[in-house]
């Protein structure tokens, strides 16, 4: 049992540092999200350290929340850069003027991924770290907190580009379609609701884990 826990700890911390340090130096937004996903996998592993159904349910809760946060960001990517084109972080310059709605969706998605309250990213990370702390993994929790600080820096740097810079003359306006708008608002609702009402969603994930086990 303890060998498995130690292995999970090493994988979790290793994933966080590799994912975050790689994401930190990216100029391409999709690559940044891809590497940051590796770091989020590290947080998911924290829930498995308890080797209990409650820990597994918390991990599943975080996975669902992560999917919503990531999808919100990718919807913005697909609208700003259609046809699968690569999107540099600088391409979000002045997005708050070019498309206020997309800028809000992007900001909330990134705030949530960074672990800023009251969104699901904060609630999920908080529960996972508290669980690990109660198990006595104090050093791992400290290292995870350091990684959260790194993530906050590179996520918010994108928000800064979108909100604190004016669009260049040649930069086109961006108009999201009706379907994109509807799906985006639904995802934002999930991100906020899961963060504010974790108990209701944890009941669902606990039931799902109980069925599997």
N, C-alpha and C. Protein backbone atom coordinates (compact mmCIF):
# COMPACT_ATOMS: atom_id res chain seq x y z
N UNK A 1 0.81 -1.20 0.00
CA UNK A 1 0.00 0.00 0.00
C UNK A 1 0.85 1.26 0.00
N UNK A 2 1.83 1.31 0.91
CA UNK A 2 2.67 2.51 1.01
C UNK A 2 3.54 2.70 -0.22
N UNK A 3 3.96 1.59 -0.83
CA UNK A 3 4.76 1.66 -2.06
C UNK A 3 3.96 2.32 -3.17
N UNK A 4 2.69 1.94 -3.28
CA UNK A 4 1.81 2.52 -4.30
C UNK A 4 1.63 4.02 -4.05
N UNK A 5 1.43 4.39 -2.77
CA UNK A 5 1.25 5.79 -2.40
C UNK A 5 2.49 6.60 -2.76
N UNK A 6 3.67 6.07 -2.44
CA UNK A 6 4.92 6.77 -2.76
C UNK A 6 5.09 6.95 -4.26
N UNK A 7 4.73 5.92 -5.02
CA UNK A 7 4.83 5.99 -6.47
C UNK A 7 3.88 7.05 -7.03
N UNK A 8 2.66 7.08 -6.48
CA UNK A 8 1.69 8.09 -6.90
C UNK A 8 2.18 9.50 -6.58
N UNK A 9 2.81 9.65 -5.40
CA UNK A 9 3.34 10.95 -5.00
C UNK A 9 4.41 11.44 -5.98
N UNK A 10 5.33 10.55 -6.32
CA UNK A 10 6.41 10.90 -7.25
C UNK A 10 5.83 11.30 -8.61
N UNK A 11 4.87 10.51 -9.09
CA UNK A 11 4.24 10.81 -10.39
C UNK A 11 3.48 12.13 -10.35
N UNK A 12 2.78 12.38 -9.22
CA UNK A 12 1.99 13.61 -9.09
C UNK A 12 2.87 14.84 -9.12
N UNK A 13 3.90 14.86 -8.28
CA UNK A 13 4.79 16.02 -8.20
C UNK A 13 5.58 16.19 -9.49
N UNK A 14 6.04 15.07 -10.05
CA UNK A 14 6.78 15.12 -11.32
C UNK A 14 5.92 15.69 -12.44
N UNK A 15 4.65 15.26 -12.49
CA UNK A 15 3.73 15.76 -13.52
C UNK A 15 3.50 17.26 -13.37
N UNK A 16 3.35 17.70 -12.13
CA UNK A 16 3.11 19.13 -11.88
C UNK A 16 4.27 19.99 -12.35
N UNK A 17 5.48 19.62 -11.94
CA UNK A 17 6.64 20.43 -12.31
C UNK A 17 6.91 20.39 -13.81
N UNK A 18 6.83 19.19 -14.41
CA UNK A 18 7.08 19.08 -15.84
C UNK A 18 6.04 19.87 -16.64
N UNK A 19 4.76 19.68 -16.28
CA UNK A 19 3.69 20.36 -17.00
C UNK A 19 3.75 21.86 -16.86
N UNK A 20 3.92 22.34 -15.64
CA UNK A 20 3.90 23.79 -15.41
C UNK A 20 5.13 24.50 -15.96
N UNK A 21 6.31 23.92 -15.76
CA UNK A 21 7.53 24.56 -16.27
C UNK A 21 7.56 24.56 -17.79
N UNK A 22 6.98 23.50 -18.40
CA UNK A 22 6.90 23.47 -19.87
C UNK A 22 5.89 24.49 -20.37
N UNK A 23 4.74 24.59 -19.69
CA UNK A 23 3.71 25.55 -20.10
C UNK A 23 4.19 26.98 -19.95
N UNK A 24 5.02 27.21 -18.95
CA UNK A 24 5.51 28.55 -18.63
C UNK A 24 6.24 29.21 -19.79
N UNK A 25 6.93 28.41 -20.61
CA UNK A 25 7.77 28.97 -21.68
C UNK A 25 7.10 28.92 -23.05
N UNK A 26 5.85 28.48 -23.11
CA UNK A 26 5.18 28.35 -24.40
C UNK A 26 4.68 29.69 -24.91
N UNK A 27 4.77 29.87 -26.22
CA UNK A 27 4.20 31.05 -26.88
C UNK A 27 2.88 30.69 -27.58
N UNK A 28 2.72 29.39 -27.89
CA UNK A 28 1.51 28.91 -28.54
C UNK A 28 0.48 28.54 -27.46
N UNK A 29 -0.73 29.05 -27.57
CA UNK A 29 -1.72 28.88 -26.51
C UNK A 29 -2.16 27.43 -26.36
N UNK A 30 -2.38 26.74 -27.49
CA UNK A 30 -2.83 25.35 -27.40
C UNK A 30 -1.76 24.46 -26.78
N UNK A 31 -0.51 24.72 -27.10
CA UNK A 31 0.58 23.96 -26.48
C UNK A 31 0.66 24.26 -24.98
N UNK A 32 0.41 25.51 -24.61
CA UNK A 32 0.41 25.87 -23.19
C UNK A 32 -0.67 25.09 -22.45
N UNK A 33 -1.88 25.03 -23.03
CA UNK A 33 -2.96 24.28 -22.41
C UNK A 33 -2.64 22.79 -22.34
N UNK A 34 -1.97 22.29 -23.39
CA UNK A 34 -1.61 20.88 -23.41
C UNK A 34 -0.65 20.52 -22.28
N UNK A 35 0.40 21.32 -22.12
CA UNK A 35 1.36 21.05 -21.05
C UNK A 35 0.74 21.27 -19.68
N UNK A 36 -0.12 22.27 -19.56
CA UNK A 36 -0.74 22.51 -18.26
C UNK A 36 -1.65 21.35 -17.88
N UNK A 37 -2.19 20.67 -18.88
CA UNK A 37 -3.02 19.49 -18.60
C UNK A 37 -2.25 18.40 -17.88
N UNK A 38 -0.95 18.30 -18.18
CA UNK A 38 -0.10 17.32 -17.48
C UNK A 38 -0.02 17.66 -16.01
N UNK A 39 0.07 18.95 -15.70
CA UNK A 39 0.14 19.37 -14.29
C UNK A 39 -1.18 19.09 -13.57
N UNK A 40 -2.29 19.25 -14.28
CA UNK A 40 -3.59 18.96 -13.66
C UNK A 40 -3.74 17.47 -13.37
N UNK A 41 -3.12 16.64 -14.21
CA UNK A 41 -3.13 15.20 -13.94
C UNK A 41 -2.46 14.90 -12.61
N UNK A 42 -1.45 15.70 -12.27
CA UNK A 42 -0.78 15.54 -10.99
C UNK A 42 -1.73 15.78 -9.83
N UNK A 43 -2.60 16.78 -9.96
CA UNK A 43 -3.60 17.03 -8.91
C UNK A 43 -4.59 15.88 -8.81
N UNK A 44 -4.97 15.32 -9.95
CA UNK A 44 -5.89 14.18 -9.94
C UNK A 44 -5.29 13.02 -9.16
N UNK A 45 -3.98 12.82 -9.32
CA UNK A 45 -3.31 11.73 -8.60
C UNK A 45 -3.34 11.94 -7.09
N UNK A 46 -3.41 13.19 -6.64
CA UNK A 46 -3.49 13.46 -5.20
C UNK A 46 -4.72 12.79 -4.59
N UNK A 47 -5.81 12.75 -5.36
CA UNK A 47 -7.02 12.13 -4.85
C UNK A 47 -6.90 10.63 -4.69
N UNK A 48 -5.98 10.04 -5.45
CA UNK A 48 -5.79 8.59 -5.37
C UNK A 48 -4.91 8.17 -4.20
N UNK A 49 -4.22 9.15 -3.58
CA UNK A 49 -3.30 8.84 -2.48
C UNK A 49 -4.01 8.22 -1.29
N UNK A 50 -5.29 8.58 -1.12
CA UNK A 50 -6.04 8.07 0.03
C UNK A 50 -6.39 6.60 -0.13
N UNK A 51 -6.35 6.12 -1.38
CA UNK A 51 -6.75 4.74 -1.67
C UNK A 51 -8.15 4.47 -1.12
N UNK A 52 -9.01 5.50 -1.21
CA UNK A 52 -10.38 5.37 -0.69
C UNK A 52 -11.37 5.85 -1.75
N UNK A 53 -12.62 5.41 -1.61
CA UNK A 53 -13.64 5.80 -2.58
C UNK A 53 -13.89 7.31 -2.56
N UNK A 54 -13.76 7.93 -1.38
CA UNK A 54 -13.96 9.38 -1.28
C UNK A 54 -12.88 10.13 -2.06
N UNK A 55 -11.64 9.65 -1.95
CA UNK A 55 -10.55 10.26 -2.70
C UNK A 55 -10.75 10.11 -4.20
N UNK A 56 -11.20 8.91 -4.61
CA UNK A 56 -11.46 8.67 -6.03
C UNK A 56 -12.58 9.58 -6.53
N UNK A 57 -13.61 9.78 -5.69
CA UNK A 57 -14.74 10.64 -6.07
C UNK A 57 -14.29 12.08 -6.25
N UNK A 58 -13.38 12.53 -5.37
CA UNK A 58 -12.85 13.89 -5.48
C UNK A 58 -12.04 14.06 -6.76
N UNK A 59 -11.26 13.03 -7.10
CA UNK A 59 -10.49 13.07 -8.35
C UNK A 59 -11.41 13.14 -9.57
N UNK A 60 -12.49 12.36 -9.54
CA UNK A 60 -13.45 12.37 -10.65
C UNK A 60 -14.12 13.74 -10.75
N UNK A 61 -14.44 14.32 -9.61
CA UNK A 61 -15.01 15.68 -9.56
C UNK A 61 -14.05 16.67 -10.24
N UNK A 62 -12.77 16.54 -9.94
CA UNK A 62 -11.77 17.46 -10.51
C UNK A 62 -11.63 17.24 -12.02
N UNK A 63 -11.69 15.98 -12.45
CA UNK A 63 -11.58 15.67 -13.88
C UNK A 63 -12.74 16.31 -14.65
N UNK A 64 -13.96 16.19 -14.11
CA UNK A 64 -15.13 16.79 -14.77
C UNK A 64 -14.99 18.30 -14.82
N UNK A 65 -14.55 18.89 -13.71
CA UNK A 65 -14.34 20.34 -13.67
C UNK A 65 -13.27 20.78 -14.65
N UNK A 66 -12.19 19.99 -14.73
CA UNK A 66 -11.10 20.32 -15.65
C UNK A 66 -11.59 20.28 -17.10
N UNK A 67 -12.42 19.29 -17.41
CA UNK A 67 -12.95 19.18 -18.77
C UNK A 67 -13.76 20.42 -19.13
N UNK A 68 -14.58 20.90 -18.19
CA UNK A 68 -15.39 22.10 -18.45
C UNK A 68 -14.51 23.33 -18.63
N UNK A 69 -13.49 23.48 -17.77
CA UNK A 69 -12.59 24.64 -17.85
C UNK A 69 -11.83 24.64 -19.17
N UNK A 70 -11.32 23.48 -19.54
CA UNK A 70 -10.52 23.37 -20.75
C UNK A 70 -11.37 23.59 -22.00
N UNK A 71 -12.57 23.01 -22.01
CA UNK A 71 -13.46 23.17 -23.16
C UNK A 71 -13.83 24.63 -23.37
N UNK A 72 -14.04 25.35 -22.27
CA UNK A 72 -14.37 26.78 -22.38
C UNK A 72 -13.24 27.53 -23.09
N UNK A 73 -12.01 27.22 -22.70
CA UNK A 73 -10.85 27.88 -23.33
C UNK A 73 -10.72 27.48 -24.80
N UNK A 74 -10.96 26.19 -25.11
CA UNK A 74 -10.80 25.73 -26.49
C UNK A 74 -11.91 26.27 -27.40
N UNK A 75 -13.08 26.52 -26.84
CA UNK A 75 -14.14 27.15 -27.64
C UNK A 75 -13.70 28.54 -28.10
N UNK A 76 -13.03 29.26 -27.21
CA UNK A 76 -12.51 30.57 -27.58
C UNK A 76 -11.45 30.43 -28.66
N UNK A 77 -10.56 29.44 -28.50
CA UNK A 77 -9.51 29.19 -29.49
C UNK A 77 -10.12 28.91 -30.86
N UNK A 78 -11.13 28.04 -30.89
CA UNK A 78 -11.75 27.65 -32.17
C UNK A 78 -12.45 28.83 -32.84
N UNK A 79 -12.91 29.79 -32.05
CA UNK A 79 -13.59 30.96 -32.62
C UNK A 79 -12.59 32.01 -33.10
N UNK A 80 -11.55 32.22 -32.32
CA UNK A 80 -10.54 33.23 -32.68
C UNK A 80 -9.65 32.72 -33.81
N UNK A 81 -9.34 31.42 -33.81
CA UNK A 81 -8.47 30.83 -34.83
C UNK A 81 -9.14 29.63 -35.46
N UNK A 82 -10.07 29.83 -36.39
CA UNK A 82 -10.77 28.71 -37.02
C UNK A 82 -9.85 27.85 -37.88
N UNK A 83 -10.37 26.70 -38.30
CA UNK A 83 -9.65 25.77 -39.18
C UNK A 83 -8.41 25.17 -38.53
N UNK A 84 -8.40 25.10 -37.20
CA UNK A 84 -7.30 24.43 -36.51
C UNK A 84 -5.98 25.16 -36.54
N UNK A 85 -6.01 26.42 -36.93
CA UNK A 85 -4.78 27.21 -37.01
C UNK A 85 -4.14 27.37 -35.62
N UNK A 86 -2.81 27.37 -35.58
CA UNK A 86 -2.12 27.61 -34.32
C UNK A 86 -2.42 29.03 -33.84
N UNK A 87 -2.45 29.18 -32.52
CA UNK A 87 -2.83 30.48 -31.96
C UNK A 87 -1.79 30.90 -30.94
N UNK A 88 -1.03 31.94 -31.28
CA UNK A 88 -0.05 32.48 -30.33
C UNK A 88 -0.79 33.24 -29.24
N UNK A 89 -0.21 33.26 -28.05
CA UNK A 89 -0.83 33.99 -26.94
C UNK A 89 -1.04 35.46 -27.32
N UNK A 90 -0.12 36.01 -28.11
CA UNK A 90 -0.23 37.41 -28.53
C UNK A 90 -1.45 37.65 -29.42
N UNK A 91 -2.00 36.57 -30.00
CA UNK A 91 -3.18 36.73 -30.86
C UNK A 91 -4.43 37.12 -30.07
N UNK A 92 -4.36 37.02 -28.75
CA UNK A 92 -5.49 37.45 -27.91
C UNK A 92 -5.43 38.95 -27.59
N UNK A 93 -4.46 39.64 -28.17
CA UNK A 93 -4.30 41.07 -27.91
C UNK A 93 -5.62 41.83 -28.13
N UNK A 94 -6.03 42.56 -27.09
CA UNK A 94 -7.23 43.38 -27.21
C UNK A 94 -8.53 42.62 -27.39
N UNK A 95 -8.58 41.35 -26.97
CA UNK A 95 -9.79 40.55 -27.17
C UNK A 95 -11.00 41.16 -26.46
N UNK A 96 -10.76 41.88 -25.38
CA UNK A 96 -11.87 42.49 -24.64
C UNK A 96 -12.62 43.53 -25.48
N UNK A 97 -11.93 44.08 -26.48
CA UNK A 97 -12.59 45.03 -27.39
C UNK A 97 -13.12 44.32 -28.63
N UNK A 98 -12.41 43.32 -29.09
CA UNK A 98 -12.80 42.61 -30.31
C UNK A 98 -14.01 41.72 -30.09
N UNK A 99 -14.11 41.13 -28.90
CA UNK A 99 -15.25 40.28 -28.55
C UNK A 99 -15.33 40.19 -27.03
N UNK A 100 -16.09 41.08 -26.39
CA UNK A 100 -16.18 41.08 -24.92
C UNK A 100 -16.62 39.74 -24.34
N UNK A 101 -17.57 39.06 -25.02
CA UNK A 101 -18.05 37.78 -24.50
C UNK A 101 -16.94 36.73 -24.48
N UNK A 102 -16.20 36.62 -25.59
CA UNK A 102 -15.10 35.65 -25.65
C UNK A 102 -14.03 35.97 -24.61
N UNK A 103 -13.79 37.25 -24.39
CA UNK A 103 -12.80 37.65 -23.39
C UNK A 103 -13.22 37.21 -22.00
N UNK A 104 -14.51 37.34 -21.69
CA UNK A 104 -15.02 36.91 -20.39
C UNK A 104 -14.91 35.39 -20.25
N UNK A 105 -15.30 34.66 -21.30
CA UNK A 105 -15.22 33.20 -21.27
C UNK A 105 -13.78 32.75 -21.06
N UNK A 106 -12.86 33.37 -21.80
CA UNK A 106 -11.44 33.03 -21.67
C UNK A 106 -10.94 33.32 -20.26
N UNK A 107 -11.29 34.49 -19.74
CA UNK A 107 -10.81 34.89 -18.41
C UNK A 107 -11.32 33.94 -17.33
N UNK A 108 -12.61 33.61 -17.37
CA UNK A 108 -13.16 32.72 -16.35
C UNK A 108 -12.56 31.32 -16.47
N UNK A 109 -12.40 30.84 -17.71
CA UNK A 109 -11.78 29.53 -17.91
C UNK A 109 -10.37 29.49 -17.35
N UNK A 110 -9.59 30.54 -17.59
CA UNK A 110 -8.21 30.59 -17.11
C UNK A 110 -8.14 30.84 -15.60
N UNK A 111 -9.03 31.68 -15.07
CA UNK A 111 -9.08 31.87 -13.62
C UNK A 111 -9.36 30.53 -12.93
N UNK A 112 -10.29 29.78 -13.50
CA UNK A 112 -10.66 28.48 -12.91
C UNK A 112 -9.49 27.50 -12.99
N UNK A 113 -8.83 27.44 -14.14
CA UNK A 113 -7.67 26.55 -14.30
C UNK A 113 -6.56 26.93 -13.33
N UNK A 114 -6.42 28.22 -13.07
CA UNK A 114 -5.36 28.70 -12.17
C UNK A 114 -5.66 28.37 -10.71
N UNK A 115 -6.93 28.05 -10.43
CA UNK A 115 -7.28 27.73 -9.05
C UNK A 115 -7.71 28.93 -8.24
N UNK A 116 -8.33 29.90 -8.90
CA UNK A 116 -8.80 31.11 -8.22
C UNK A 116 -10.27 30.93 -7.84
N UNK A 117 -10.64 31.24 -6.57
CA UNK A 117 -12.04 31.08 -6.17
C UNK A 117 -12.93 32.12 -6.86
N UNK A 118 -14.24 31.81 -7.00
CA UNK A 118 -14.98 30.67 -6.43
C UNK A 118 -15.18 29.53 -7.42
N UNK A 119 -14.30 29.39 -8.39
CA UNK A 119 -14.53 28.44 -9.47
C UNK A 119 -14.10 27.03 -9.09
N UNK A 120 -14.49 26.07 -9.93
CA UNK A 120 -14.27 24.66 -9.62
C UNK A 120 -12.79 24.31 -9.48
N UNK A 121 -11.92 25.01 -10.22
CA UNK A 121 -10.49 24.73 -10.11
C UNK A 121 -9.97 24.94 -8.70
N UNK A 122 -10.44 26.01 -8.06
CA UNK A 122 -10.03 26.29 -6.68
C UNK A 122 -10.59 25.24 -5.73
N UNK A 123 -11.89 24.98 -5.83
CA UNK A 123 -12.54 24.04 -4.91
C UNK A 123 -11.94 22.65 -5.03
N UNK A 124 -11.71 22.21 -6.28
CA UNK A 124 -11.14 20.89 -6.49
C UNK A 124 -9.73 20.78 -5.93
N UNK A 125 -8.89 21.76 -6.24
CA UNK A 125 -7.51 21.73 -5.73
C UNK A 125 -7.49 21.79 -4.21
N UNK A 126 -8.35 22.63 -3.64
CA UNK A 126 -8.40 22.78 -2.18
C UNK A 126 -8.74 21.45 -1.52
N UNK A 127 -9.76 20.77 -2.02
CA UNK A 127 -10.17 19.50 -1.42
C UNK A 127 -9.09 18.43 -1.58
N UNK A 128 -8.45 18.40 -2.74
CA UNK A 128 -7.39 17.41 -2.98
C UNK A 128 -6.18 17.66 -2.09
N UNK A 129 -5.81 18.94 -1.93
CA UNK A 129 -4.65 19.27 -1.09
C UNK A 129 -4.95 19.02 0.39
N UNK A 130 -6.15 19.34 0.83
CA UNK A 130 -6.53 19.08 2.22
C UNK A 130 -6.50 17.58 2.50
N UNK A 131 -6.99 16.81 1.55
CA UNK A 131 -6.98 15.35 1.69
C UNK A 131 -5.55 14.83 1.82
N UNK A 132 -4.64 15.34 0.98
CA UNK A 132 -3.24 14.91 1.04
C UNK A 132 -2.59 15.36 2.34
N UNK A 133 -2.94 16.56 2.80
CA UNK A 133 -2.38 17.08 4.06
C UNK A 133 -2.80 16.21 5.24
N UNK A 134 -4.05 15.80 5.25
CA UNK A 134 -4.55 14.94 6.33
C UNK A 134 -3.87 13.58 6.33
N UNK A 135 -3.38 13.18 5.16
CA UNK A 135 -2.65 11.91 5.06
C UNK A 135 -1.20 12.06 5.49
N UNK A 136 -0.79 13.30 5.79
CA UNK A 136 0.56 13.55 6.26
C UNK A 136 1.56 13.91 5.18
N UNK A 137 1.08 14.16 3.96
CA UNK A 137 1.99 14.48 2.85
C UNK A 137 2.23 16.00 2.79
N UNK A 138 2.82 16.54 3.84
CA UNK A 138 2.98 17.99 3.97
C UNK A 138 3.89 18.56 2.88
N UNK A 139 5.03 17.92 2.65
CA UNK A 139 5.97 18.41 1.64
C UNK A 139 5.32 18.41 0.25
N UNK A 140 4.57 17.37 -0.05
CA UNK A 140 3.90 17.29 -1.35
C UNK A 140 2.90 18.44 -1.52
N UNK A 141 2.20 18.78 -0.44
CA UNK A 141 1.23 19.88 -0.49
C UNK A 141 1.95 21.21 -0.73
N UNK A 142 3.10 21.40 -0.08
CA UNK A 142 3.88 22.63 -0.28
C UNK A 142 4.35 22.73 -1.73
N UNK A 143 4.84 21.62 -2.28
CA UNK A 143 5.31 21.61 -3.67
C UNK A 143 4.15 21.87 -4.63
N UNK A 144 2.98 21.33 -4.30
CA UNK A 144 1.80 21.57 -5.14
C UNK A 144 1.39 23.04 -5.09
N UNK A 145 1.53 23.65 -3.92
CA UNK A 145 1.21 25.08 -3.78
C UNK A 145 2.15 25.93 -4.62
N UNK A 146 3.43 25.55 -4.65
CA UNK A 146 4.42 26.26 -5.48
C UNK A 146 4.02 26.15 -6.95
N UNK A 147 3.59 24.96 -7.35
CA UNK A 147 3.16 24.75 -8.73
C UNK A 147 1.92 25.57 -9.07
N UNK A 148 1.04 25.71 -8.11
CA UNK A 148 -0.16 26.53 -8.32
C UNK A 148 0.23 27.98 -8.59
N UNK A 149 1.24 28.46 -7.86
CA UNK A 149 1.72 29.83 -8.07
C UNK A 149 2.30 30.00 -9.48
N UNK A 150 3.05 29.00 -9.94
CA UNK A 150 3.60 29.05 -11.31
C UNK A 150 2.46 29.11 -12.32
N UNK A 151 1.44 28.27 -12.11
CA UNK A 151 0.31 28.21 -13.04
C UNK A 151 -0.45 29.53 -13.06
N UNK A 152 -0.65 30.12 -11.88
CA UNK A 152 -1.35 31.41 -11.82
C UNK A 152 -0.62 32.44 -12.68
N UNK A 153 0.70 32.42 -12.65
CA UNK A 153 1.48 33.40 -13.40
C UNK A 153 1.23 33.26 -14.91
N UNK A 154 1.34 32.04 -15.45
CA UNK A 154 1.22 31.94 -16.91
C UNK A 154 -0.24 32.00 -17.38
N UNK A 155 -1.18 31.56 -16.57
CA UNK A 155 -2.59 31.70 -16.97
C UNK A 155 -3.00 33.17 -16.99
N UNK A 156 -2.63 33.89 -15.95
CA UNK A 156 -3.04 35.29 -15.87
C UNK A 156 -2.29 36.17 -16.86
N UNK A 157 -1.13 35.71 -17.33
CA UNK A 157 -0.42 36.48 -18.36
C UNK A 157 -1.24 36.51 -19.65
N UNK A 158 -1.99 35.44 -19.91
CA UNK A 158 -2.87 35.42 -21.09
C UNK A 158 -4.03 36.39 -20.90
N UNK A 159 -4.61 36.39 -19.69
CA UNK A 159 -5.70 37.32 -19.39
C UNK A 159 -5.22 38.77 -19.53
N UNK A 160 -3.99 39.02 -19.10
CA UNK A 160 -3.42 40.37 -19.22
C UNK A 160 -3.34 40.80 -20.68
N UNK A 161 -2.92 39.89 -21.55
CA UNK A 161 -2.84 40.21 -22.98
C UNK A 161 -4.23 40.53 -23.54
N UNK A 162 -5.23 39.75 -23.10
CA UNK A 162 -6.59 39.93 -23.62
C UNK A 162 -7.24 41.22 -23.13
N UNK A 163 -6.89 41.63 -21.90
CA UNK A 163 -7.60 42.76 -21.29
C UNK A 163 -6.78 44.05 -21.16
N UNK A 164 -5.47 43.93 -21.11
CA UNK A 164 -4.65 45.12 -20.81
C UNK A 164 -3.90 45.64 -22.02
N UNK A 165 -4.30 45.22 -23.20
CA UNK A 165 -3.66 45.72 -24.42
C UNK A 165 -4.74 46.02 -25.45
N UNK A 166 -4.48 46.99 -26.28
CA UNK A 166 -5.44 47.38 -27.31
C UNK A 166 -5.18 46.60 -28.59
N UNK A 167 -6.24 46.27 -29.33
CA UNK A 167 -6.05 45.52 -30.58
C UNK A 167 -5.29 46.34 -31.61
N UNK A 168 -4.47 45.66 -32.41
CA UNK A 168 -3.73 46.35 -33.46
C UNK A 168 -4.68 46.68 -34.60
N UNK A 169 -4.27 47.62 -35.44
CA UNK A 169 -5.13 48.10 -36.50
C UNK A 169 -5.67 47.02 -37.41
N UNK A 170 -4.83 46.03 -37.74
CA UNK A 170 -5.24 45.01 -38.70
C UNK A 170 -6.02 43.87 -38.05
N UNK A 171 -6.13 43.88 -36.73
CA UNK A 171 -6.79 42.79 -36.03
C UNK A 171 -8.29 42.85 -36.22
N UNK A 172 -8.86 41.74 -36.68
CA UNK A 172 -10.29 41.70 -37.00
C UNK A 172 -11.13 41.50 -35.74
N UNK A 173 -12.39 41.97 -35.83
CA UNK A 173 -13.37 41.68 -34.79
C UNK A 173 -13.71 40.18 -34.83
N UNK A 174 -14.12 39.64 -33.69
CA UNK A 174 -14.47 38.22 -33.62
C UNK A 174 -15.90 38.11 -33.14
N UNK A 175 -16.73 37.39 -33.91
CA UNK A 175 -18.14 37.25 -33.55
C UNK A 175 -18.47 35.77 -33.34
N UNK A 176 -18.66 35.34 -32.08
CA UNK A 176 -19.01 33.94 -31.84
C UNK A 176 -20.41 33.63 -32.34
N UNK A 177 -20.60 32.41 -32.86
CA UNK A 177 -21.92 32.00 -33.33
C UNK A 177 -22.86 31.71 -32.17
N UNK A 178 -24.12 31.48 -32.50
CA UNK A 178 -25.14 31.23 -31.48
C UNK A 178 -24.83 29.96 -30.69
N UNK A 179 -24.43 28.90 -31.40
CA UNK A 179 -24.12 27.63 -30.73
C UNK A 179 -22.92 27.78 -29.81
N UNK A 180 -21.88 28.45 -30.30
CA UNK A 180 -20.69 28.68 -29.48
C UNK A 180 -21.04 29.46 -28.22
N UNK A 181 -21.86 30.48 -28.38
CA UNK A 181 -22.27 31.29 -27.23
C UNK A 181 -23.05 30.47 -26.21
N UNK A 182 -23.99 29.66 -26.70
CA UNK A 182 -24.82 28.84 -25.81
C UNK A 182 -23.99 27.82 -25.05
N UNK A 183 -23.11 27.13 -25.77
CA UNK A 183 -22.26 26.11 -25.13
C UNK A 183 -21.31 26.76 -24.13
N UNK A 184 -20.76 27.90 -24.50
CA UNK A 184 -19.83 28.61 -23.62
C UNK A 184 -20.51 29.01 -22.31
N UNK A 185 -21.72 29.56 -22.42
CA UNK A 185 -22.44 29.98 -21.22
C UNK A 185 -22.80 28.78 -20.34
N UNK A 186 -23.11 27.65 -20.98
CA UNK A 186 -23.40 26.43 -20.22
C UNK A 186 -22.15 25.96 -19.46
N UNK A 187 -21.01 26.01 -20.13
CA UNK A 187 -19.75 25.61 -19.49
C UNK A 187 -19.41 26.54 -18.33
N UNK A 188 -19.64 27.84 -18.51
CA UNK A 188 -19.38 28.79 -17.43
C UNK A 188 -20.28 28.50 -16.24
N UNK A 189 -21.53 28.13 -16.51
CA UNK A 189 -22.46 27.78 -15.44
C UNK A 189 -21.95 26.57 -14.66
N UNK A 190 -21.45 25.58 -15.39
CA UNK A 190 -20.90 24.37 -14.74
C UNK A 190 -19.68 24.73 -13.90
N UNK A 191 -18.79 25.55 -14.45
CA UNK A 191 -17.56 25.94 -13.74
C UNK A 191 -17.88 26.65 -12.43
N UNK A 192 -18.87 27.54 -12.47
CA UNK A 192 -19.24 28.30 -11.27
C UNK A 192 -20.02 27.42 -10.30
N UNK A 193 -21.00 26.66 -10.81
CA UNK A 193 -21.84 25.83 -9.95
C UNK A 193 -21.03 24.76 -9.23
N UNK A 194 -20.10 24.12 -9.94
CA UNK A 194 -19.27 23.10 -9.31
C UNK A 194 -18.37 23.70 -8.23
N UNK A 195 -17.98 24.95 -8.44
CA UNK A 195 -17.13 25.60 -7.45
C UNK A 195 -17.88 26.02 -6.20
N UNK A 196 -19.11 26.49 -6.39
CA UNK A 196 -19.90 27.00 -5.27
C UNK A 196 -20.65 25.89 -4.54
N UNK A 197 -21.08 24.88 -5.30
CA UNK A 197 -21.88 23.78 -4.72
C UNK A 197 -21.19 22.43 -4.92
N UNK A 198 -19.99 22.27 -4.36
CA UNK A 198 -19.26 21.01 -4.60
C UNK A 198 -19.96 19.78 -4.04
N UNK A 199 -20.71 19.97 -2.93
CA UNK A 199 -21.36 18.83 -2.29
C UNK A 199 -22.28 18.07 -3.21
N UNK A 200 -23.09 18.81 -3.98
CA UNK A 200 -24.05 18.18 -4.88
C UNK A 200 -23.34 17.35 -5.95
N UNK A 201 -22.25 17.89 -6.48
CA UNK A 201 -21.51 17.18 -7.53
C UNK A 201 -20.70 16.02 -6.95
N UNK A 202 -20.19 16.19 -5.73
CA UNK A 202 -19.45 15.09 -5.09
C UNK A 202 -20.37 13.92 -4.80
N UNK A 203 -21.63 14.21 -4.49
CA UNK A 203 -22.59 13.11 -4.29
C UNK A 203 -22.74 12.29 -5.57
N UNK A 204 -22.77 12.99 -6.71
CA UNK A 204 -22.89 12.31 -8.00
C UNK A 204 -21.65 11.48 -8.30
N UNK A 205 -20.46 12.07 -8.08
CA UNK A 205 -19.23 11.33 -8.38
C UNK A 205 -19.04 10.18 -7.39
N UNK A 206 -19.47 10.37 -6.15
CA UNK A 206 -19.37 9.28 -5.16
C UNK A 206 -20.25 8.11 -5.56
N UNK A 207 -21.44 8.43 -6.06
CA UNK A 207 -22.35 7.39 -6.53
C UNK A 207 -21.75 6.64 -7.72
N UNK A 208 -21.14 7.41 -8.63
CA UNK A 208 -20.51 6.80 -9.81
C UNK A 208 -19.37 5.88 -9.41
N UNK A 209 -18.52 6.35 -8.48
CA UNK A 209 -17.39 5.53 -8.02
C UNK A 209 -17.90 4.29 -7.29
N UNK A 210 -18.96 4.47 -6.48
CA UNK A 210 -19.54 3.34 -5.76
C UNK A 210 -20.06 2.28 -6.71
N UNK A 211 -20.62 2.71 -7.82
CA UNK A 211 -21.14 1.78 -8.82
C UNK A 211 -20.00 0.99 -9.48
N UNK A 212 -18.90 1.71 -9.77
CA UNK A 212 -17.75 1.07 -10.42
C UNK A 212 -17.07 0.08 -9.48
N UNK A 213 -16.89 0.50 -8.21
CA UNK A 213 -16.19 -0.35 -7.24
C UNK A 213 -17.12 -1.40 -6.65
